[in-house]
Structure formats: structure tokens, C-alpha cells
Amino acid sequence: MSQEDDLIAVLDHYELPEPGYGERAYNCPSHDDAHASASINRSKGVWYCHACGSGGTAAQIVMDREGITYVEAMRYIEALTGRKSAPTRRAVKKQSKRWVPPTLRRVI
């Protein structure tokens, strides 16, 4: 799934209107807005509020609304979309540095 799919899933979850394609004016998903002070780009899966300065991807909306960390927000989105995201480069690097006893190593 792409960032666009994540954004649409999060907006749908919070019952926010689905934006059109391209760059559009939008009510800020992070704070109550009487007027559209944010810009949202559905095809890129990103948004930015010109009033409060918040912005980013679908994860930022979840972080702002739920008061959780980025990792928790990604897990939240995974639960909404029913998929598992790829491990981060940092997690892969950390995993590759684990010491494995020679008797347990497999020869490739």
C-alpha cells in the first residue's frame, strides 16, 4: 500500500471528507478548523496546515489525534489497513548486528 492509501484509510477512519486529486485546500485534520487552512495532496499522501504548522503523512494525523508516538501510529495504520509495513532500515541494521554463536549459524 502507498502513502495515498494510508492517508485515505486514516481520513475515512476519522470520518473526514476524502480529498480530490492534486493539491487541494482542506480543513486541518489536527485542529478544529472553520475554514480550510491546510493543503492536502492525495496523490503524494501528504498535507500541511498553514495555520498551526502541522503536517506530514497519515501517521502525523494519527499522532496528533491519538497522542501517540510515530511507531504506535504506524501500528495503528497497519491495523486500519490490514497490512504489515516493511521493517525500517534501522531495525534491519540492528537485527544484522546480533551475535550468533557459530554452532547456530547456517551456511548459505
Protein backbone atom coordinates (compact mmCIF):
# COMPACT_ATOMS: atom_id res chain seq x y z
CA MET A 1 0.00 0.00 0.00
CA SER A 2 1.11 3.53 -0.66
CA GLN A 3 1.06 6.69 1.39
CA GLU A 4 -2.05 7.71 -0.56
CA ASP A 5 -3.83 4.55 0.61
CA ASP A 6 -2.73 5.18 4.21
CA LEU A 7 -3.98 8.77 4.06
CA ILE A 8 -7.38 7.76 2.67
CA ALA A 9 -7.74 4.98 5.28
CA VAL A 10 -6.94 7.40 8.14
CA LEU A 11 -9.27 10.12 6.82
CA ASP A 12 -12.03 7.53 6.44
CA HIS A 13 -11.41 6.24 9.99
CA TYR A 14 -11.80 9.73 11.46
CA GLU A 15 -14.79 10.38 9.19
CA LEU A 16 -13.08 13.26 7.39
CA PRO A 17 -14.06 14.00 3.78
CA GLU A 18 -12.00 12.37 1.07
CA PRO A 19 -9.97 14.97 -0.83
CA GLY A 20 -9.88 15.24 -4.59
CA TYR A 21 -6.72 14.58 -6.57
CA GLY A 22 -3.86 17.06 -6.79
CA GLU A 23 -3.19 19.88 -4.36
CA ARG A 24 -6.39 20.92 -2.56
CA ALA A 25 -7.47 23.24 0.24
CA TYR A 26 -8.62 21.20 3.23
CA ASN A 27 -9.72 21.67 6.82
CA CYS A 28 -6.82 20.84 9.12
CA PRO A 29 -7.13 17.27 10.44
CA SER A 30 -5.09 18.18 13.55
CA HIS A 31 -7.21 21.03 14.93
CA ASP A 32 -10.78 22.25 14.55
CA ASP A 33 -10.98 24.47 11.52
CA ALA A 34 -13.82 26.74 10.42
CA HIS A 35 -12.03 27.47 7.13
CA ALA A 36 -9.74 25.34 5.02
CA SER A 37 -6.31 26.33 6.32
CA ALA A 38 -4.49 23.20 5.20
CA SER A 39 -3.29 21.92 1.86
CA ILE A 40 -3.55 18.22 1.09
CA ASN A 41 -2.07 16.28 -1.79
CA ARG A 42 -3.80 12.95 -2.09
CA SER A 43 -1.53 11.50 -4.77
CA LYS A 44 1.58 12.17 -2.65
CA GLY A 45 -0.18 11.26 0.61
CA VAL A 46 0.92 14.43 2.42
CA TRP A 47 -0.68 17.50 3.96
CA TYR A 48 0.34 20.79 5.62
CA CYS A 49 -1.63 23.26 7.77
CA HIS A 50 -0.71 26.89 7.11
CA ALA A 51 -2.34 27.99 10.40
CA CYS A 52 -0.83 25.63 13.00
CA GLY A 53 2.23 24.42 11.07
CA SER A 54 1.39 20.75 11.47
CA GLY A 55 1.73 18.45 8.52
CA GLY A 56 3.17 15.27 7.16
CA THR A 57 1.71 11.90 6.28
CA ALA A 58 -1.20 9.89 7.64
CA ALA A 59 0.97 8.96 10.63
CA GLN A 60 1.05 12.61 11.76
CA ILE A 61 -2.75 12.78 11.76
CA VAL A 62 -2.93 9.69 13.97
CA MET A 63 -0.18 11.04 16.25
CA ASP A 64 -2.00 14.38 16.67
CA ARG A 65 -5.42 12.83 17.24
CA GLU A 66 -4.41 9.92 19.47
CA GLY A 67 -1.43 11.48 21.26
CA ILE A 68 0.88 8.56 20.42
CA THR A 69 4.39 8.09 19.03
CA TYR A 70 5.31 7.52 15.39
CA VAL A 71 5.86 3.79 15.85
CA GLU A 72 2.49 3.43 17.60
CA ALA A 73 0.86 5.47 14.82
CA MET A 74 2.32 3.16 12.17
CA ARG A 75 0.96 0.13 14.05
CA TYR A 76 -2.41 1.89 14.25
CA ILE A 77 -2.38 2.44 10.48
CA GLU A 78 -1.33 -1.18 9.92
CA ALA A 79 -4.38 -2.26 11.94
CA LEU A 80 -6.64 0.05 9.91
CA THR A 81 -5.36 -1.14 6.56
CA GLY A 82 -4.85 -4.78 7.50
CA ARG A 83 -1.26 -4.92 6.33
CA LYS A 84 2.18 -5.02 7.85
CA SER A 85 4.71 -2.41 6.80
CA ALA A 86 8.25 -3.28 5.82
CA PRO A 87 10.81 -3.11 8.61
CA THR A 88 12.73 0.15 8.83
CA ARG A 89 16.35 0.36 7.73
CA ARG A 90 17.34 0.93 11.35
CA ALA A 91 15.54 -2.23 12.52
CA VAL A 92 17.20 -4.29 9.81
CA LYS A 93 20.61 -2.85 10.66
CA LYS A 94 20.11 -3.52 14.37
CA GLN A 95 18.98 -7.07 13.67
CA SER A 96 22.02 -7.77 11.46
CA LYS A 97 24.41 -6.81 14.28
CA ARG A 98 23.20 -9.52 16.64
CA TRP A 99 25.86 -12.02 17.54
CA VAL A 100 25.02 -15.60 16.70
CA PRO A 101 27.12 -18.47 18.06
CA PRO A 102 29.00 -20.30 15.30
CA THR A 103 27.20 -23.56 16.10
CA LEU A 104 23.85 -21.90 15.35
CA ARG A 105 24.90 -20.14 12.13
CA ARG A 106 23.70 -21.58 8.86
CA VAL A 107 25.99 -21.74 5.88
CA ILE A 108 24.42 -20.13 2.84
